[in-house]
Amino acid sequence: GSVRSFTGFKLMWYSFDYLTIAGNYTKNEL
C-alpha cells in the first residue's frame, strides 16, 4: 500500500502502459 516514486526512461513507461492496455497485465501484477 505504500507509494514509491520511480524515475525511468519514457520508453520504459511506454512499455508499462502498453502492457496494461494490450498485454492484459494490471499495474499491480507488473
PDB file of all heavy atoms in Angstrom:
ATOM      1  N   GLY A   1       0.790  -1.222   0.000  1.00  0.00           N
ATOM      2  CA  GLY A   1       0.000   0.000   0.000  1.00  0.00           C
ATOM      3  C   GLY A   1       0.825   1.277   0.000  1.00  0.00           C
ATOM      4  O   GLY A   1       0.284   2.361  -0.192  1.00  0.00           O
ATOM      5  N   SER A   2       2.126   1.154   0.216  1.00  0.00           N
ATOM      6  CA  SER A   2       2.981   2.340   0.175  1.00  0.00           C
ATOM      7  C   SER A   2       3.133   2.799  -1.273  1.00  0.00           C
ATOM      8  O   SER A   2       2.915   2.039  -2.212  1.00  0.00           O
ATOM      9  CB  SER A   2       4.347   2.047   0.797  1.00  0.00           C
ATOM     10  OG  SER A   2       5.045   1.079   0.028  1.00  0.00           O
ATOM     11  N   VAL A   3       3.511   4.042  -1.434  1.00  0.00           N
ATOM     12  CA  VAL A   3       3.698   4.611  -2.767  1.00  0.00           C
ATOM     13  C   VAL A   3       5.168   4.969  -2.927  1.00  0.00           C
ATOM     14  O   VAL A   3       5.764   5.589  -2.052  1.00  0.00           O
ATOM     15  CB  VAL A   3       2.813   5.857  -2.972  1.00  0.00           C
ATOM     16  CG1 VAL A   3       3.084   6.501  -4.317  1.00  0.00           C
ATOM     17  CG2 VAL A   3       1.347   5.504  -2.837  1.00  0.00           C
ATOM     18  N   ARG A   4       5.735   4.534  -4.023  1.00  0.00           N
ATOM     19  CA  ARG A   4       7.149   4.782  -4.300  1.00  0.00           C
ATOM     20  C   ARG A   4       7.262   5.564  -5.599  1.00  0.00           C
ATOM     21  O   ARG A   4       6.645   5.206  -6.602  1.00  0.00           O
ATOM     22  CB  ARG A   4       7.861   3.437  -4.442  1.00  0.00           C
ATOM     23  CG  ARG A   4       9.285   3.533  -4.894  1.00  0.00           C
ATOM     24  CD  ARG A   4       9.864   2.161  -5.119  1.00  0.00           C
ATOM     25  NE  ARG A   4      10.528   1.742  -3.909  1.00  0.00           N
ATOM     26  CZ  ARG A   4      11.148   0.589  -3.767  1.00  0.00           C
ATOM     27  NH1 ARG A   4      11.165  -0.274  -4.754  1.00  0.00           N
ATOM     28  NH2 ARG A   4      11.740   0.279  -2.656  1.00  0.00           N
ATOM     29  N   SER A   5       8.040   6.621  -5.572  1.00  0.00           N
ATOM     30  CA  SER A   5       8.332   7.363  -6.803  1.00  0.00           C
ATOM     31  C   SER A   5       9.418   6.620  -7.559  1.00  0.00           C
ATOM     32  O   SER A   5      10.410   6.192  -6.968  1.00  0.00           O
ATOM     33  CB  SER A   5       8.802   8.783  -6.481  1.00  0.00           C
ATOM     34  OG  SER A   5       7.734   9.530  -5.986  1.00  0.00           O
ATOM     35  N   PHE A   6       9.202   6.461  -8.846  1.00  0.00           N
ATOM     36  CA  PHE A   6      10.165   5.731  -9.673  1.00  0.00           C
ATOM     37  C   PHE A   6      10.449   6.556 -10.913  1.00  0.00           C
ATOM     38  O   PHE A   6       9.536   6.982 -11.607  1.00  0.00           O
ATOM     39  CB  PHE A   6       9.621   4.358 -10.064  1.00  0.00           C
ATOM     40  CG  PHE A   6      10.661   3.443 -10.638  1.00  0.00           C
ATOM     41  CD1 PHE A   6      11.345   2.562  -9.822  1.00  0.00           C
ATOM     42  CD2 PHE A   6      10.980   3.477 -11.982  1.00  0.00           C
ATOM     43  CE1 PHE A   6      12.319   1.730 -10.338  1.00  0.00           C
ATOM     44  CE2 PHE A   6      11.954   2.656 -12.507  1.00  0.00           C
ATOM     45  CZ  PHE A   6      12.631   1.766 -11.679  1.00  0.00           C
ATOM     46  N   THR A   7      11.722   6.769 -11.177  1.00  0.00           N
ATOM     47  CA  THR A   7      12.142   7.511 -12.369  1.00  0.00           C
ATOM     48  C   THR A   7      12.730   6.541 -13.374  1.00  0.00           C
ATOM     49  O   THR A   7      13.589   5.726 -13.040  1.00  0.00           O
ATOM     50  CB  THR A   7      13.196   8.580 -12.000  1.00  0.00           C
ATOM     51  OG1 THR A   7      12.624   9.470 -11.039  1.00  0.00           O
ATOM     52  CG2 THR A   7      13.630   9.364 -13.225  1.00  0.00           C
ATOM     53  N   GLY A   8      12.228   6.629 -14.597  1.00  0.00           N
ATOM     54  CA  GLY A   8      12.728   5.771 -15.669  1.00  0.00           C
ATOM     55  C   GLY A   8      12.595   6.478 -17.003  1.00  0.00           C
ATOM     56  O   GLY A   8      11.942   7.527 -17.110  1.00  0.00           O
ATOM     57  N   PHE A   9      13.214   5.894 -18.003  1.00  0.00           N
ATOM     58  CA  PHE A   9      13.093   6.450 -19.347  1.00  0.00           C
ATOM     59  C   PHE A   9      11.639   6.384 -19.816  1.00  0.00           C
ATOM     60  O   PHE A   9      10.900   5.467 -19.451  1.00  0.00           O
ATOM     61  CB  PHE A   9      13.977   5.687 -20.336  1.00  0.00           C
ATOM     62  CG  PHE A   9      15.447   5.898 -20.112  1.00  0.00           C
ATOM     63  CD1 PHE A   9      16.257   4.842 -19.720  1.00  0.00           C
ATOM     64  CD2 PHE A   9      16.024   7.143 -20.293  1.00  0.00           C
ATOM     65  CE1 PHE A   9      17.618   5.028 -19.516  1.00  0.00           C
ATOM     66  CE2 PHE A   9      17.382   7.343 -20.089  1.00  0.00           C
ATOM     67  CZ  PHE A   9      18.180   6.276 -19.697  1.00  0.00           C
ATOM     68  N   LYS A  10      11.259   7.343 -20.650  1.00  0.00           N
ATOM     69  CA  LYS A  10       9.898   7.340 -21.188  1.00  0.00           C
ATOM     70  C   LYS A  10       9.605   6.052 -21.942  1.00  0.00           C
ATOM     71  O   LYS A  10       8.482   5.559 -21.917  1.00  0.00           O
ATOM     72  CB  LYS A  10       9.663   8.554 -22.090  1.00  0.00           C
ATOM     73  CG  LYS A  10       9.472   9.829 -21.323  1.00  0.00           C
ATOM     74  CD  LYS A  10       9.088  10.975 -22.255  1.00  0.00           C
ATOM     75  CE  LYS A  10       8.850  12.235 -21.452  1.00  0.00           C
ATOM     76  NZ  LYS A  10       8.454  13.355 -22.337  1.00  0.00           N
ATOM     77  N   LEU A  11      10.618   5.491 -22.591  1.00  0.00           N
ATOM     78  CA  LEU A  11      10.417   4.225 -23.296  1.00  0.00           C
ATOM     79  C   LEU A  11       9.958   3.135 -22.333  1.00  0.00           C
ATOM     80  O   LEU A  11       9.093   2.335 -22.665  1.00  0.00           O
ATOM     81  CB  LEU A  11      11.708   3.802 -23.995  1.00  0.00           C
ATOM     82  CG  LEU A  11      11.645   2.513 -24.804  1.00  0.00           C
ATOM     83  CD1 LEU A  11      10.597   2.611 -25.907  1.00  0.00           C
ATOM     84  CD2 LEU A  11      13.005   2.194 -25.396  1.00  0.00           C
ATOM     85  N   MET A  12      10.506   3.105 -21.119  1.00  0.00           N
ATOM     86  CA  MET A  12      10.083   2.134 -20.112  1.00  0.00           C
ATOM     87  C   MET A  12       8.620   2.358 -19.736  1.00  0.00           C
ATOM     88  O   MET A  12       7.840   1.411 -19.626  1.00  0.00           O
ATOM     89  CB  MET A  12      10.967   2.240 -18.862  1.00  0.00           C
ATOM     90  CG  MET A  12      10.611   1.231 -17.794  1.00  0.00           C
ATOM     91  SD  MET A  12      11.248   1.674 -16.172  1.00  0.00           S
ATOM     92  CE  MET A  12      10.078   2.932 -15.679  1.00  0.00           C
ATOM     93  N   TRP A  13       8.240   3.630 -19.559  1.00  0.00           N
ATOM     94  CA  TRP A  13       6.856   3.930 -19.196  1.00  0.00           C
ATOM     95  C   TRP A  13       5.900   3.620 -20.345  1.00  0.00           C
ATOM     96  O   TRP A  13       4.758   3.213 -20.110  1.00  0.00           O
ATOM     97  CB  TRP A  13       6.723   5.382 -18.744  1.00  0.00           C
ATOM     98  CG  TRP A  13       7.409   5.628 -17.430  1.00  0.00           C
ATOM     99  CD1 TRP A  13       8.456   6.458 -17.197  1.00  0.00           C
ATOM    100  CD2 TRP A  13       7.119   5.004 -16.173  1.00  0.00           C
ATOM    101  NE1 TRP A  13       8.827   6.392 -15.880  1.00  0.00           N
ATOM    102  CE2 TRP A  13       8.021   5.512 -15.223  1.00  0.00           C
ATOM    103  CE3 TRP A  13       6.179   4.061 -15.758  1.00  0.00           C
ATOM    104  CZ2 TRP A  13       8.006   5.113 -13.887  1.00  0.00           C
ATOM    105  CZ3 TRP A  13       6.172   3.666 -14.427  1.00  0.00           C
ATOM    106  CH2 TRP A  13       7.065   4.188 -13.509  1.00  0.00           C
ATOM    107  N   TYR A  14       6.347   3.804 -21.597  1.00  0.00           N
ATOM    108  CA  TYR A  14       5.515   3.397 -22.728  1.00  0.00           C
ATOM    109  C   TYR A  14       5.272   1.888 -22.686  1.00  0.00           C
ATOM    110  O   TYR A  14       4.161   1.420 -22.953  1.00  0.00           O
ATOM    111  CB  TYR A  14       6.151   3.790 -24.065  1.00  0.00           C
ATOM    112  CG  TYR A  14       6.204   5.270 -24.342  1.00  0.00           C
ATOM    113  CD1 TYR A  14       7.279   5.830 -25.016  1.00  0.00           C
ATOM    114  CD2 TYR A  14       5.174   6.124 -23.953  1.00  0.00           C
ATOM    115  CE1 TYR A  14       7.339   7.195 -25.273  1.00  0.00           C
ATOM    116  CE2 TYR A  14       5.230   7.487 -24.210  1.00  0.00           C
ATOM    117  CZ  TYR A  14       6.312   8.012 -24.864  1.00  0.00           C
ATOM    118  OH  TYR A  14       6.367   9.367 -25.119  1.00  0.00           O
ATOM    119  N   SER A  15       6.301   1.130 -22.339  1.00  0.00           N
ATOM    120  CA  SER A  15       6.144  -0.320 -22.200  1.00  0.00           C
ATOM    121  C   SER A  15       5.163  -0.652 -21.081  1.00  0.00           C
ATOM    122  O   SER A  15       4.303  -1.521 -21.222  1.00  0.00           O
ATOM    123  CB  SER A  15       7.481  -1.002 -21.911  1.00  0.00           C
ATOM    124  OG  SER A  15       8.307  -0.983 -23.028  1.00  0.00           O
ATOM    125  N   PHE A  16       5.308   0.032 -19.961  1.00  0.00           N
ATOM    126  CA  PHE A  16       4.410  -0.172 -18.815  1.00  0.00           C
ATOM    127  C   PHE A  16       2.962   0.062 -19.230  1.00  0.00           C
ATOM    128  O   PHE A  16       2.081  -0.767 -18.966  1.00  0.00           O
ATOM    129  CB  PHE A  16       4.827   0.782 -17.691  1.00  0.00           C
ATOM    130  CG  PHE A  16       4.052   0.646 -16.413  1.00  0.00           C
ATOM    131  CD1 PHE A  16       4.248  -0.443 -15.573  1.00  0.00           C
ATOM    132  CD2 PHE A  16       3.152   1.619 -16.030  1.00  0.00           C
ATOM    133  CE1 PHE A  16       3.556  -0.557 -14.380  1.00  0.00           C
ATOM    134  CE2 PHE A  16       2.455   1.516 -14.842  1.00  0.00           C
ATOM    135  CZ  PHE A  16       2.650   0.429 -14.011  1.00  0.00           C
ATOM    136  N   ASP A  17       2.711   1.176 -19.913  1.00  0.00           N
ATOM    137  CA  ASP A  17       1.352   1.497 -20.365  1.00  0.00           C
ATOM    138  C   ASP A  17       0.860   0.480 -21.388  1.00  0.00           C
ATOM    139  O   ASP A  17      -0.297   0.045 -21.338  1.00  0.00           O
ATOM    140  CB  ASP A  17       1.306   2.904 -20.958  1.00  0.00           C
ATOM    141  CG  ASP A  17       1.605   3.986 -19.923  1.00  0.00           C
ATOM    142  OD1 ASP A  17       1.452   3.729 -18.704  1.00  0.00           O
ATOM    143  OD2 ASP A  17       2.016   5.089 -20.343  1.00  0.00           O
ATOM    144  N   TYR A  18       1.716   0.105 -22.318  1.00  0.00           N
ATOM    145  CA  TYR A  18       1.352  -0.869 -23.351  1.00  0.00           C
ATOM    146  C   TYR A  18       0.934  -2.194 -22.709  1.00  0.00           C
ATOM    147  O   TYR A  18      -0.069  -2.798 -23.094  1.00  0.00           O
ATOM    148  CB  TYR A  18       2.533  -1.084 -24.300  1.00  0.00           C
ATOM    149  CG  TYR A  18       2.294  -2.109 -25.372  1.00  0.00           C
ATOM    150  CD1 TYR A  18       1.594  -1.776 -26.528  1.00  0.00           C
ATOM    151  CD2 TYR A  18       2.762  -3.410 -25.242  1.00  0.00           C
ATOM    152  CE1 TYR A  18       1.365  -2.715 -27.518  1.00  0.00           C
ATOM    153  CE2 TYR A  18       2.541  -4.352 -26.223  1.00  0.00           C
ATOM    154  CZ  TYR A  18       1.838  -4.004 -27.369  1.00  0.00           C
ATOM    155  OH  TYR A  18       1.607  -4.942 -28.338  1.00  0.00           O
ATOM    156  N   LEU A  19       1.702  -2.647 -21.726  1.00  0.00           N
ATOM    157  CA  LEU A  19       1.406  -3.930 -21.084  1.00  0.00           C
ATOM    158  C   LEU A  19       0.098  -3.897 -20.303  1.00  0.00           C
ATOM    159  O   LEU A  19      -0.594  -4.910 -20.208  1.00  0.00           O
ATOM    160  CB  LEU A  19       2.560  -4.356 -20.181  1.00  0.00           C
ATOM    161  CG  LEU A  19       3.841  -4.721 -20.924  1.00  0.00           C
ATOM    162  CD1 LEU A  19       4.987  -4.924 -19.942  1.00  0.00           C
ATOM    163  CD2 LEU A  19       3.640  -5.958 -21.783  1.00  0.00           C
ATOM    164  N   THR A  20      -0.248  -2.744 -19.762  1.00  0.00           N
ATOM    165  CA  THR A  20      -1.509  -2.659 -19.024  1.00  0.00           C
ATOM    166  C   THR A  20      -2.708  -2.523 -19.963  1.00  0.00           C
ATOM    167  O   THR A  20      -3.830  -2.831 -19.569  1.00  0.00           O
ATOM    168  CB  THR A  20      -1.503  -1.484 -18.014  1.00  0.00           C
ATOM    169  OG1 THR A  20      -1.283  -0.263 -18.702  1.00  0.00           O
ATOM    170  CG2 THR A  20      -0.432  -1.688 -16.962  1.00  0.00           C
ATOM    171  N   ILE A  21      -2.453  -2.102 -21.192  1.00  0.00           N
ATOM    172  CA  ILE A  21      -3.551  -1.961 -22.162  1.00  0.00           C
ATOM    173  C   ILE A  21      -3.638  -3.185 -23.070  1.00  0.00           C
ATOM    174  O   ILE A  21      -4.659  -3.844 -23.151  1.00  0.00           O
ATOM    175  CB  ILE A  21      -3.372  -0.679 -23.005  1.00  0.00           C
ATOM    176  CG1 ILE A  21      -3.481   0.551 -22.109  1.00  0.00           C
ATOM    177  CG2 ILE A  21      -4.393  -0.611 -24.135  1.00  0.00           C
ATOM    178  CD1 ILE A  21      -3.036   1.841 -22.765  1.00  0.00           C
ATOM    179  N   ALA A  22      -2.559  -3.485 -23.762  1.00  0.00           N
ATOM    180  CA  ALA A  22      -2.571  -4.547 -24.776  1.00  0.00           C
ATOM    181  C   ALA A  22      -2.063  -5.883 -24.261  1.00  0.00           C
ATOM    182  O   ALA A  22      -2.324  -6.913 -24.866  1.00  0.00           O
ATOM    183  CB  ALA A  22      -1.731  -4.118 -25.981  1.00  0.00           C
ATOM    184  N   GLY A  23      -1.340  -5.862 -23.165  1.00  0.00           N
ATOM    185  CA  GLY A  23      -0.756  -7.096 -22.661  1.00  0.00           C
ATOM    186  C   GLY A  23      -1.578  -7.794 -21.599  1.00  0.00           C
ATOM    187  O   GLY A  23      -1.222  -8.854 -21.113  1.00  0.00           O
ATOM    188  N   ASN A  24      -2.694  -7.178 -21.229  1.00  0.00           N
ATOM    189  CA  ASN A  24      -3.598  -7.747 -20.234  1.00  0.00           C
ATOM    190  C   ASN A  24      -2.962  -7.960 -18.868  1.00  0.00           C
ATOM    191  O   ASN A  24      -3.263  -8.918 -18.168  1.00  0.00           O
ATOM    192  CB  ASN A  24      -4.223  -9.054 -20.738  1.00  0.00           C
ATOM    193  CG  ASN A  24      -5.103  -8.827 -21.944  1.00  0.00           C
ATOM    194  OD1 ASN A  24      -5.814  -7.832 -22.009  1.00  0.00           O
ATOM    195  ND2 ASN A  24      -5.033  -9.715 -22.905  1.00  0.00           N
ATOM    196  N   TYR A  25      -2.060  -7.074 -18.480  1.00  0.00           N
ATOM    197  CA  TYR A  25      -1.481  -7.080 -17.143  1.00  0.00           C
ATOM    198  C   TYR A  25      -2.016  -5.881 -16.381  1.00  0.00           C
ATOM    199  O   TYR A  25      -2.267  -4.836 -16.967  1.00  0.00           O
ATOM    200  CB  TYR A  25       0.054  -6.966 -17.197  1.00  0.00           C
ATOM    201  CG  TYR A  25       0.747  -8.207 -17.673  1.00  0.00           C
ATOM    202  CD1 TYR A  25       0.976  -8.427 -19.025  1.00  0.00           C
ATOM    203  CD2 TYR A  25       1.187  -9.167 -16.772  1.00  0.00           C
ATOM    204  CE1 TYR A  25       1.625  -9.563 -19.471  1.00  0.00           C
ATOM    205  CE2 TYR A  25       1.834 -10.305 -17.201  1.00  0.00           C
ATOM    206  CZ  TYR A  25       2.050 -10.502 -18.555  1.00  0.00           C
ATOM    207  OH  TYR A  25       2.680 -11.631 -18.987  1.00  0.00           O
ATOM    208  N   THR A  26      -2.166  -6.041 -15.075  1.00  0.00           N
ATOM    209  CA  THR A  26      -2.501  -4.885 -14.254  1.00  0.00           C
ATOM    210  C   THR A  26      -1.200  -4.258 -13.765  1.00  0.00           C
ATOM    211  O   THR A  26      -0.147  -4.905 -13.763  1.00  0.00           O
ATOM    212  CB  THR A  26      -3.354  -5.262 -13.040  1.00  0.00           C
ATOM    213  OG1 THR A  26      -2.580  -6.073 -12.154  1.00  0.00           O
ATOM    214  CG2 THR A  26      -4.625  -6.002 -13.464  1.00  0.00           C
ATOM    215  N   LYS A  27      -1.275  -3.020 -13.335  1.00  0.00           N
ATOM    216  CA  LYS A  27      -0.103  -2.354 -12.775  1.00  0.00           C
ATOM    217  C   LYS A  27       0.407  -3.127 -11.566  1.00  0.00           C
ATOM    218  O   LYS A  27       1.615  -3.308 -11.404  1.00  0.00           O
ATOM    219  CB  LYS A  27      -0.444  -0.914 -12.402  1.00  0.00           C
ATOM    220  CG  LYS A  27      -0.763  -0.050 -13.595  1.00  0.00           C
ATOM    221  CD  LYS A  27      -1.204   1.339 -13.191  1.00  0.00           C
ATOM    222  CE  LYS A  27      -1.568   2.141 -14.432  1.00  0.00           C
ATOM    223  NZ  LYS A  27      -1.964   3.500 -14.110  1.00  0.00           N
ATOM    224  N   ASN A  28      -0.513  -3.604 -10.744  1.00  0.00           N
ATOM    225  CA  ASN A  28      -0.125  -4.364  -9.547  1.00  0.00           C
ATOM    226  C   ASN A  28       0.597  -5.661  -9.909  1.00  0.00           C
ATOM    227  O   ASN A  28       1.545  -6.056  -9.227  1.00  0.00           O
ATOM    228  CB  ASN A  28      -1.339  -4.662  -8.679  1.00  0.00           C
ATOM    229  CG  ASN A  28      -1.927  -3.417  -8.054  1.00  0.00           C
ATOM    230  OD1 ASN A  28      -1.257  -2.393  -7.940  1.00  0.00           O
ATOM    231  ND2 ASN A  28      -3.185  -3.487  -7.654  1.00  0.00           N
ATOM    232  N   GLU A  29       0.144  -6.334 -10.970  1.00  0.00           N
ATOM    233  CA  GLU A  29       0.810  -7.568 -11.397  1.00  0.00           C
ATOM    234  C   GLU A  29       2.235  -7.293 -11.860  1.00  0.00           C
ATOM    235  O   GLU A  29       3.155  -8.053 -11.539  1.00  0.00           O
ATOM    236  CB  GLU A  29       0.025  -8.243 -12.533  1.00  0.00           C
ATOM    237  CG  GLU A  29      -1.263  -8.881 -12.104  1.00  0.00           C
ATOM    238  CD  GLU A  29      -2.091  -9.383 -13.272  1.00  0.00           C
ATOM    239  OE1 GLU A  29      -2.088  -8.744 -14.350  1.00  0.00           O
ATOM    240  OE2 GLU A  29      -2.740 -10.429 -13.100  1.00  0.00           O
ATOM    241  N   LEU A  30       2.427  -6.218 -12.611  1.00  0.00           N
ATOM    242  CA  LEU A  30       3.770  -5.887 -13.096  1.00  0.00           C
ATOM    243  C   LEU A  30       4.704  -5.543 -11.941  1.00  0.00           C
ATOM    244  O   LEU A  30       5.862  -5.974 -11.924  1.00  0.00           O
ATOM    245  CB  LEU A  30       3.697  -4.740 -14.098  1.00  0.00           C
ATOM    246  CG  LEU A  30       2.970  -5.063 -15.410  1.00  0.00           C
ATOM    247  CD1 LEU A  30       2.756  -3.798 -16.234  1.00  0.00           C
ATOM    248  CD2 LEU A  30       3.721  -6.114 -16.202  1.00  0.00           C
TER     249      LEU A  30
END
